[in-house]
PDB file of N, CA and C in Angstrom:
ATOM      1  N   PRO A   1      41.549   2.729 -23.254  1.00  0.00           N
ATOM      2  CA  PRO A   1      41.201   3.722 -22.862  1.00  0.00           C
ATOM      3  C   PRO A   1      39.638   4.495 -22.739  1.00  0.00           C
ATOM      4  N   ALA A   2      38.845   5.295 -22.108  1.00  0.00           N
ATOM      5  CA  ALA A   2      37.892   5.541 -22.353  1.00  0.00           C
ATOM      6  C   ALA A   2      37.918   6.373 -22.868  1.00  0.00           C
ATOM      7  N   VAL A   3      36.025   6.526 -23.982  1.00  0.00           N
ATOM      8  CA  VAL A   3      36.612   7.359 -24.875  1.00  0.00           C
ATOM      9  C   VAL A   3      35.639   9.341 -23.979  1.00  0.00           C
ATOM     10  N   GLU A   4      36.679  10.468 -24.772  1.00  0.00           N
ATOM     11  CA  GLU A   4      36.219  12.030 -24.343  1.00  0.00           C
ATOM     12  C   GLU A   4      36.166  12.159 -25.184  1.00  0.00           C
ATOM     13  N   ALA A   5      35.132  13.174 -24.828  1.00  0.00           N
ATOM     14  CA  ALA A   5      34.103  13.821 -25.523  1.00  0.00           C
ATOM     15  C   ALA A   5      33.915  15.276 -24.564  1.00  0.00           C
ATOM     16  N   PHE A   6      34.585  16.490 -25.768  1.00  0.00           N
ATOM     17  CA  PHE A   6      35.307  16.971 -25.481  1.00  0.00           C
ATOM     18  C   PHE A   6      34.881  18.125 -26.777  1.00  0.00           C
ATOM     19  N   PRO A   7      34.695  20.270 -26.302  1.00  0.00           N
ATOM     20  CA  PRO A   7      33.801  20.190 -24.764  1.00  0.00           C
ATOM     21  C   PRO A   7      32.500  19.884 -24.085  1.00  0.00           C
ATOM     22  N   ASN A   8      31.937  19.132 -23.541  1.00  0.00           N
ATOM     23  CA  ASN A   8      30.470  18.720 -23.059  1.00  0.00           C
ATOM     24  C   ASN A   8      30.883  20.070 -21.497  1.00  0.00           C
ATOM     25  N   PRO A   9      29.502  21.508 -21.450  1.00  0.00           N
ATOM     26  CA  PRO A   9      28.554  21.048 -22.578  1.00  0.00           C
ATOM     27  C   PRO A   9      29.664  21.758 -23.526  1.00  0.00           C
ATOM     28  N   PHE A  10      28.530  21.722 -24.675  1.00  0.00           N
ATOM     29  CA  PHE A  10      28.941  22.201 -26.111  1.00  0.00           C
ATOM     30  C   PHE A  10      27.929  22.970 -26.921  1.00  0.00           C
ATOM     31  N   SER A  11      28.458  24.097 -28.050  1.00  0.00           N
ATOM     32  CA  SER A  11      27.434  24.507 -28.675  1.00  0.00           C
ATOM     33  C   SER A  11      27.634  25.068 -30.212  1.00  0.00           C
ATOM     34  N   PRO A  12      27.156  24.466 -30.726  1.00  0.00           N
ATOM     35  CA  PRO A  12      26.803  23.758 -32.157  1.00  0.00           C
ATOM     36  C   PRO A  12      28.298  24.929 -33.125  1.00  0.00           C
ATOM     37  N   GLU A  13      27.335  25.818 -32.422  1.00  0.00           N
ATOM     38  CA  GLU A  13      27.603  27.411 -33.139  1.00  0.00           C
ATOM     39  C   GLU A  13      29.539  28.206 -32.751  1.00  0.00           C
ATOM     40  N   GLU A  14      29.736  27.349 -31.882  1.00  0.00           N
ATOM     41  CA  GLU A  14      30.610  27.878 -31.651  1.00  0.00           C
ATOM     42  C   GLU A  14      32.263  25.914 -31.623  1.00  0.00           C
ATOM     43  N   GLY A  15      31.211  25.848 -32.892  1.00  0.00           N
ATOM     44  CA  GLY A  15      32.473  24.076 -33.024  1.00  0.00           C
ATOM     45  C   GLY A  15      32.273  22.992 -32.341  1.00  0.00           C
ATOM     46  N   PRO A  16      32.212  21.992 -33.670  1.00  0.00           N
ATOM     47  CA  PRO A  16      32.449  20.471 -32.882  1.00  0.00           C
ATOM     48  C   PRO A  16      32.772  20.103 -32.007  1.00  0.00           C
ATOM     49  N   LEU A  17      31.449  19.138 -31.546  1.00  0.00           N
ATOM     50  CA  LEU A  17      32.302  18.577 -30.102  1.00  0.00           C
ATOM     51  C   LEU A  17      33.301  17.401 -30.537  1.00  0.00           C
ATOM     52  N   THR A  18      34.475  17.098 -30.340  1.00  0.00           N
ATOM     53  CA  THR A  18      34.787  15.872 -30.450  1.00  0.00           C
ATOM     54  C   THR A  18      35.014  14.724 -30.087  1.00  0.00           C
ATOM     55  N   PHE A  19      35.349  14.011 -29.941  1.00  0.00           N
ATOM     56  CA  PHE A  19      34.901  12.611 -29.505  1.00  0.00           C
ATOM     57  C   PHE A  19      36.288  11.862 -29.707  1.00  0.00           C
ATOM     58  N   ARG A  20      37.299  11.570 -29.216  1.00  0.00           N
ATOM     59  CA  ARG A  20      38.600  11.008 -29.291  1.00  0.00           C
ATOM     60  C   ARG A  20      38.691   9.495 -28.185  1.00  0.00           C
ATOM     61  N   ASN A  21      39.508   8.984 -28.520  1.00  0.00           N
ATOM     62  CA  ASN A  21      40.522   7.455 -28.135  1.00  0.00           C
ATOM     63  C   ASN A  21      39.460   6.687 -28.314  1.00  0.00           C
ATOM     64  N   LEU A  22      38.413   6.934 -29.774  1.00  0.00           N
ATOM     65  CA  LEU A  22      37.975   5.894 -29.933  1.00  0.00           C
ATOM     66  C   LEU A  22      38.502   4.200 -30.685  1.00  0.00           C
ATOM     67  N   PRO A  23      38.076   3.499 -29.620  1.00  0.00           N
ATOM     68  CA  PRO A  23      38.524   1.835 -30.794  1.00  0.00           C
ATOM     69  C   PRO A  23      38.408   1.521 -32.168  1.00  0.00           C
ATOM     70  N   GLU A  24      39.512   1.486 -32.883  1.00  0.00           N
ATOM     71  CA  GLU A  24      39.457   1.360 -34.573  1.00  0.00           C
ATOM     72  C   GLU A  24      38.334   0.649 -34.721  1.00  0.00           C
ATOM     73  N   GLY A  25      37.736   0.907 -36.309  1.00  0.00           N
ATOM     74  CA  GLY A  25      37.082   0.058 -36.670  1.00  0.00           C
ATOM     75  C   GLY A  25      35.081   0.200 -35.323  1.00  0.00           C
ATOM     76  N   SER A  26      35.527   0.647 -34.637  1.00  0.00           N
ATOM     77  CA  SER A  26      33.841   1.478 -34.013  1.00  0.00           C
ATOM     78  C   SER A  26      33.220   2.495 -34.197  1.00  0.00           C
ATOM     79  N   SER A  27      32.550   2.378 -33.984  1.00  0.00           N
ATOM     80  CA  SER A  27      30.809   3.252 -34.735  1.00  0.00           C
ATOM     81  C   SER A  27      29.937   3.696 -32.683  1.00  0.00           C
ATOM     82  N   LEU A  28      29.880   4.999 -33.412  1.00  0.00           N
ATOM     83  CA  LEU A  28      29.381   5.409 -32.357  1.00  0.00           C
ATOM     84  C   LEU A  28      28.012   6.634 -32.900  1.00  0.00           C
ATOM     85  N   CYS A  29      26.916   6.339 -31.535  1.00  0.00           N
ATOM     86  CA  CYS A  29      25.602   6.460 -31.799  1.00  0.00           C
ATOM     87  C   CYS A  29      24.730   7.345 -31.024  1.00  0.00           C
ATOM     88  N   ILE A  30      24.392   8.604 -31.009  1.00  0.00           N
ATOM     89  CA  ILE A  30      24.425  10.000 -30.385  1.00  0.00           C
ATOM     90  C   ILE A  30      22.469   9.403 -30.138  1.00  0.00           C
ATOM     91  N   PHE A  31      21.921   9.606 -29.137  1.00  0.00           N
ATOM     92  CA  PHE A  31      20.613   8.854 -28.567  1.00  0.00           C
ATOM     93  C   PHE A  31      19.755   9.820 -28.020  1.00  0.00           C
ATOM     94  N   SER A  32      18.593  10.820 -28.648  1.00  0.00           N
ATOM     95  CA  SER A  32      18.669  12.238 -27.997  1.00  0.00           C
ATOM     96  C   SER A  32      17.817  11.210 -26.640  1.00  0.00           C
ATOM     97  N   PRO A  33      17.104  12.094 -25.966  1.00  0.00           N
ATOM     98  CA  PRO A  33      17.055  11.778 -24.820  1.00  0.00           C
ATOM     99  C   PRO A  33      15.555  11.345 -24.662  1.00  0.00           C
ATOM    100  N   SER A  34      15.005  11.098 -25.656  1.00  0.00           N
ATOM    101  CA  SER A  34      13.637  10.040 -24.780  1.00  0.00           C
ATOM    102  C   SER A  34      14.231   8.994 -25.750  1.00  0.00           C
ATOM    103  N   GLY A  35      15.507   8.886 -26.161  1.00  0.00           N
ATOM    104  CA  GLY A  35      15.804   7.443 -26.579  1.00  0.00           C
ATOM    105  C   GLY A  35      16.437   7.145 -28.277  1.00  0.00           C
ATOM    106  N   GLU A  36      16.257   7.998 -28.917  1.00  0.00           N
ATOM    107  CA  GLU A  36      15.674   7.954 -30.887  1.00  0.00           C
ATOM    108  C   GLU A  36      16.686   8.119 -31.601  1.00  0.00           C
ATOM    109  N   LEU A  37      17.520   7.431 -32.071  1.00  0.00           N
ATOM    110  CA  LEU A  37      18.698   7.929 -32.575  1.00  0.00           C
ATOM    111  C   LEU A  37      18.587   9.195 -33.859  1.00  0.00           C
ATOM    112  N   VAL A  38      19.715   9.987 -33.352  1.00  0.00           N
ATOM    113  CA  VAL A  38      20.080  10.777 -33.581  1.00  0.00           C
ATOM    114  C   VAL A  38      21.071  11.160 -34.858  1.00  0.00           C
ATOM    115  N   ARG A  39      22.448  10.601 -34.923  1.00  0.00           N
ATOM    116  CA  ARG A  39      23.416  10.320 -35.869  1.00  0.00           C
ATOM    117  C   ARG A  39      23.991   9.000 -35.235  1.00  0.00           C
ATOM    118  N   SER A  40      24.265   8.475 -36.363  1.00  0.00           N
ATOM    119  CA  SER A  40      25.087   7.685 -36.332  1.00  0.00           C
ATOM    120  C   SER A  40      26.801   8.122 -36.915  1.00  0.00           C
ATOM    121  N   LEU A  41      28.157   7.868 -36.299  1.00  0.00           N
ATOM    122  CA  LEU A  41      29.330   8.335 -36.480  1.00  0.00           C
ATOM    123  C   LEU A  41      30.921   7.006 -36.249  1.00  0.00           C
ATOM    124  N   SER A  42      31.138   6.827 -37.096  1.00  0.00           N
ATOM    125  CA  SER A  42      32.488   6.088 -37.619  1.00  0.00           C
ATOM    126  C   SER A  42      33.797   7.230 -38.074  1.00  0.00           C
ATOM    127  N   PRO A  43      34.828   6.690 -36.513  1.00  0.00           N
ATOM    128  CA  PRO A  43      36.224   7.164 -37.023  1.00  0.00           C
ATOM    129  C   PRO A  43      36.763   6.992 -38.871  1.00  0.00           C
ATOM    130  N   LYS A  44      37.304   7.484 -39.403  1.00  0.00           N
ATOM    131  CA  LYS A  44      37.751   7.651 -40.311  1.00  0.00           C
ATOM    132  C   LYS A  44      38.860   6.139 -40.716  1.00  0.00           C
ATOM    133  N   GLU A  45      39.218   5.186 -41.088  1.00  0.00           N
ATOM    134  CA  GLU A  45      40.581   3.957 -40.772  1.00  0.00           C
ATOM    135  C   GLU A  45      41.591   4.537 -40.670  1.00  0.00           C
ATOM    136  N   GLY A  46      41.945   4.014 -39.454  1.00  0.00           N
ATOM    137  CA  GLY A  46      43.532   4.095 -38.831  1.00  0.00           C
ATOM    138  C   GLY A  46      43.343   5.426 -37.615  1.00  0.00           C
ATOM    139  N   LYS A  47      41.634   6.377 -37.788  1.00  0.00           N
ATOM    140  CA  LYS A  47      41.684   7.210 -36.964  1.00  0.00           C
ATOM    141  C   LYS A  47      41.709   6.611 -35.586  1.00  0.00           C
ATOM    142  N   THR A  48      41.222   8.156 -34.909  1.00  0.00           N
ATOM    143  CA  THR A  48      40.770   7.689 -33.500  1.00  0.00           C
ATOM    144  C   THR A  48      39.578   8.300 -32.955  1.00  0.00           C
ATOM    145  N   LYS A  49      38.869   9.352 -33.567  1.00  0.00           N
ATOM    146  CA  LYS A  49      38.514  10.455 -33.092  1.00  0.00           C
ATOM    147  C   LYS A  49      37.594  10.566 -34.326  1.00  0.00           C
ATOM    148  N   VAL A  50      36.356  11.650 -33.644  1.00  0.00           N
ATOM    149  CA  VAL A  50      35.097  12.124 -34.492  1.00  0.00           C
ATOM    150  C   VAL A  50      34.666  12.922 -33.821  1.00  0.00           C
ATOM    151  N   GLU A  51      34.699  13.864 -34.770  1.00  0.00           N
ATOM    152  CA  GLU A  51      33.540  15.196 -34.306  1.00  0.00           C
ATOM    153  C   GLU A  51      31.798  14.872 -34.988  1.00  0.00           C
ATOM    154  N   TRP A  52      31.476  15.840 -33.764  1.00  0.00           N
ATOM    155  CA  TRP A  52      30.057  15.697 -33.930  1.00  0.00           C
ATOM    156  C   TRP A  52      29.476  17.243 -34.030  1.00  0.00           C
ATOM    157  N   LYS A  53      29.243  18.300 -35.515  1.00  0.00           N
ATOM    158  CA  LYS A  53      28.524  19.030 -35.305  1.00  0.00           C
ATOM    159  C   LYS A  53      27.112  20.199 -35.088  1.00  0.00           C
ATOM    160  N   GLY A  54      26.196  18.855 -34.317  1.00  0.00           N
ATOM    161  CA  GLY A  54      24.802  18.702 -33.777  1.00  0.00           C
ATOM    162  C   GLY A  54      23.802  18.855 -34.385  1.00  0.00           C
ATOM    163  N   ASP A  55      23.967  17.707 -35.338  1.00  0.00           N
ATOM    164  CA  ASP A  55      23.316  17.789 -36.254  1.00  0.00           C
ATOM    165  C   ASP A  55      22.702  16.239 -35.809  1.00  0.00           C
ATOM    166  N   ASN A  56      21.663  15.783 -36.545  1.00  0.00           N
ATOM    167  CA  ASN A  56      21.013  14.956 -37.236  1.00  0.00           C
ATOM    168  C   ASN A  56      21.374  14.304 -38.877  1.00  0.00           C
ATOM    169  N   ASP A  57      21.211  12.999 -38.567  1.00  0.00           N
ATOM    170  CA  ASP A  57      21.044  11.754 -39.550  1.00  0.00           C
ATOM    171  C   ASP A  57      20.964  12.402 -41.012  1.00  0.00           C
ATOM    172  N   ALA A  58      19.976  13.392 -41.156  1.00  0.00           N
ATOM    173  CA  ALA A  58      18.772  14.070 -42.354  1.00  0.00           C
ATOM    174  C   ALA A  58      20.431  15.360 -42.356  1.00  0.00           C
ATOM    175  N   GLY A  59      21.189  15.605 -41.781  1.00  0.00           N
ATOM    176  CA  GLY A  59      21.812  17.183 -41.703  1.00  0.00           C
ATOM    177  C   GLY A  59      21.172  18.357 -40.771  1.00  0.00           C
ATOM    178  N   TYR A  60      20.358  18.059 -40.449  1.00  0.00           N
ATOM    179  CA  TYR A  60      18.973  19.678 -39.232  1.00  0.00           C
ATOM    180  C   TYR A  60      20.076  19.413 -38.099  1.00  0.00           C
ATOM    181  N   LEU A  61      20.358  20.963 -38.237  1.00  0.00           N
ATOM    182  CA  LEU A  61      20.765  20.709 -36.186  1.00  0.00           C
ATOM    183  C   LEU A  61      19.625  20.305 -35.116  1.00  0.00           C
ATOM    184  N   VAL A  62      20.173  19.412 -33.951  1.00  0.00           N
ATOM    185  CA  VAL A  62      19.277  19.026 -33.239  1.00  0.00           C
ATOM    186  C   VAL A  62      19.004  20.537 -32.443  1.00  0.00           C
ATOM    187  N   GLY A  63      18.197  19.907 -30.739  1.00  0.00           N
ATOM    188  CA  GLY A  63      17.718  21.189 -30.219  1.00  0.00           C
ATOM    189  C   GLY A  63      18.459  20.944 -28.569  1.00  0.00           C
ATOM    190  N   SER A  64      18.695  21.903 -28.325  1.00  0.00           N
ATOM    191  CA  SER A  64      19.673  22.087 -26.783  1.00  0.00           C
ATOM    192  C   SER A  64      19.025  20.442 -25.923  1.00  0.00           C
ATOM    193  N   GLY A  65      20.285  20.018 -25.271  1.00  0.00           N
ATOM    194  CA  GLY A  65      19.525  19.107 -24.056  1.00  0.00           C
ATOM    195  C   GLY A  65      20.847  18.345 -23.773  1.00  0.00           C
ATOM    196  N   VAL A  66      20.634  16.798 -22.989  1.00  0.00           N
ATOM    197  CA  VAL A  66      21.530  16.032 -22.829  1.00  0.00           C
ATOM    198  C   VAL A  66      21.454  14.287 -23.576  1.00  0.00           C
ATOM    199  N   TYR A  67      22.582  14.578 -24.255  1.00  0.00           N
ATOM    200  CA  TYR A  67      21.971  13.745 -25.354  1.00  0.00           C
ATOM    201  C   TYR A  67      23.239  12.798 -24.493  1.00  0.00           C
ATOM    202  N   LEU A  68      22.659  10.834 -24.992  1.00  0.00           N
ATOM    203  CA  LEU A  68      23.473   9.848 -24.595  1.00  0.00           C
ATOM    204  C   LEU A  68      23.879   9.155 -26.176  1.00  0.00           C
ATOM    205  N   TYR A  69      25.459   9.437 -26.135  1.00  0.00           N
ATOM    206  CA  TYR A  69      26.012   8.601 -26.610  1.00  0.00           C
ATOM    207  C   TYR A  69      26.719   7.313 -26.270  1.00  0.00           C
ATOM    208  N   VAL A  70      26.931   6.483 -27.240  1.00  0.00           N
ATOM    209  CA  VAL A  70      27.078   4.330 -27.646  1.00  0.00           C
ATOM    210  C   VAL A  70      28.279   4.933 -28.028  1.00  0.00           C
ATOM    211  N   VAL A  71      29.117   3.489 -27.287  1.00  0.00           N
ATOM    212  CA  VAL A  71      30.514   3.526 -28.884  1.00  0.00           C
ATOM    213  C   VAL A  71      30.756   1.798 -28.681  1.00  0.00           C
ATOM    214  N   ARG A  72      30.820   1.121 -29.722  1.00  0.00           N
ATOM    215  CA  ARG A  72      31.058  -0.303 -29.873  1.00  0.00           C
ATOM    216  C   ARG A  72      31.404  -0.234 -30.962  1.00  0.00           C
ATOM    217  N   ASP A  73      32.912  -0.972 -30.062  1.00  0.00           N
ATOM    218  CA  ASP A  73      34.085  -1.600 -30.658  1.00  0.00           C
ATOM    219  C   ASP A  73      33.641  -3.267 -31.452  1.00  0.00           C
ATOM    220  N   PRO A  74      34.850  -3.427 -31.898  1.00  0.00           N
ATOM    221  CA  PRO A  74      34.732  -4.368 -33.211  1.00  0.00           C
ATOM    222  C   PRO A  74      34.601  -5.669 -32.078  1.00  0.00           C
ATOM    223  N   GLN A  75      35.290  -5.873 -30.934  1.00  0.00           N
ATOM    224  CA  GLN A  75      35.076  -7.315 -30.313  1.00  0.00           C
ATOM    225  C   GLN A  75      33.949  -6.912 -29.414  1.00  0.00           C
ATOM    226  N   GLY A  76      33.152  -6.078 -29.837  1.00  0.00           N
ATOM    227  CA  GLY A  76      31.854  -5.934 -28.439  1.00  0.00           C
ATOM    228  C   GLY A  76      31.111  -5.374 -27.064  1.00  0.00           C
ATOM    229  N   GLY A  77      32.310  -5.169 -27.300  1.00  0.00           N
ATOM    230  CA  GLY A  77      32.875  -4.344 -26.368  1.00  0.00           C
ATOM    231  C   GLY A  77      31.947  -2.523 -26.427  1.00  0.00           C
ATOM    232  N   THR A  78      31.660  -2.295 -24.987  1.00  0.00           N
ATOM    233  CA  THR A  78      30.526  -0.804 -25.434  1.00  0.00           C
ATOM    234  C   THR A  78      31.062  -0.274 -24.371  1.00  0.00           C
ATOM    235  N   GLN A  79      31.093   1.462 -24.191  1.00  0.00           N
ATOM    236  CA  GLN A  79      31.081   2.321 -23.759  1.00  0.00           C
ATOM    237  C   GLN A  79      30.062   3.425 -24.358  1.00  0.00           C
ATOM    238  N   VAL A  80      29.765   3.615 -23.167  1.00  0.00           N
ATOM    239  CA  VAL A  80      28.426   4.698 -22.913  1.00  0.00           C
ATOM    240  C   VAL A  80      28.076   6.059 -21.756  1.00  0.00           C
ATOM    241  N   GLY A  81      28.036   7.717 -22.724  1.00  0.00           N
ATOM    242  CA  GLY A  81      28.743   8.685 -21.887  1.00  0.00           C
ATOM    243  C   GLY A  81      27.576   9.902 -22.497  1.00  0.00           C
ATOM    244  N   LYS A  82      27.033  10.389 -21.111  1.00  0.00           N
ATOM    245  CA  LYS A  82      26.711  11.545 -22.077  1.00  0.00           C
ATOM    246  C   LYS A  82      26.975  12.927 -22.468  1.00  0.00           C
ATOM    247  N   VAL A  83      26.176  13.685 -23.558  1.00  0.00           N
ATOM    248  CA  VAL A  83      26.921  15.444 -23.247  1.00  0.00           C
ATOM    249  C   VAL A  83      25.976  16.226 -23.187  1.00  0.00           C
ATOM    250  N   ALA A  84      26.302  17.455 -22.953  1.00  0.00           N
ATOM    251  CA  ALA A  84      24.879  18.193 -23.338  1.00  0.00           C
ATOM    252  C   ALA A  84      25.537  19.372 -23.833  1.00  0.00           C
ATOM    253  N   LEU A  85      24.013  19.681 -25.299  1.00  0.00           N
ATOM    254  CA  LEU A  85      24.561  20.340 -26.729  1.00  0.00           C
ATOM    255  C   LEU A  85      23.540  21.684 -26.114  1.00  0.00           C
ATOM    256  N   VAL A  86      23.970  23.138 -25.748  1.00  0.00           N
ATOM    257  CA  VAL A  86      23.441  23.557 -26.561  1.00  0.00           C
ATOM    258  C   VAL A  86      23.154  25.337 -27.009  1.00  0.00           C
ATOM    259  N   ARG A  87      21.890  24.551 -27.669  1.00  0.00           N
ATOM    260  CA  ARG A  87      22.263  26.466 -28.256  1.00  0.00           C
ATOM    261  C   ARG A  87      21.868  27.591 -27.914  1.00  0.00           C
ATOM    262  N   ARG A  88      22.886  28.665 -28.852  1.00  0.00           N
ATOM    263  CA  ARG A  88      22.685  30.011 -28.566  1.00  0.00           C
ATOM    264  C   ARG A  88      21.654  31.186 -29.680  1.00  0.00           C
TER     265      ARG A  88
END
């Protein structure tokens, strides 16, 4: 199944962005509009969803914009999508 990201757009002040239908054992990378790696996430073992609070790997909130996410599964499959983050 396709990975879903909701709500999209999202505001970190109103709650996290949820990614669901992640393949077991997959990794999720979120990139800035300039292509910089912002955040790396992986679902817990046995889970197929993960939440992003709009922060980077250092724990700081990122700015408003459109971010690209890339999901890679253990078999080498890749899914790509976009999410919009709106800071209020």
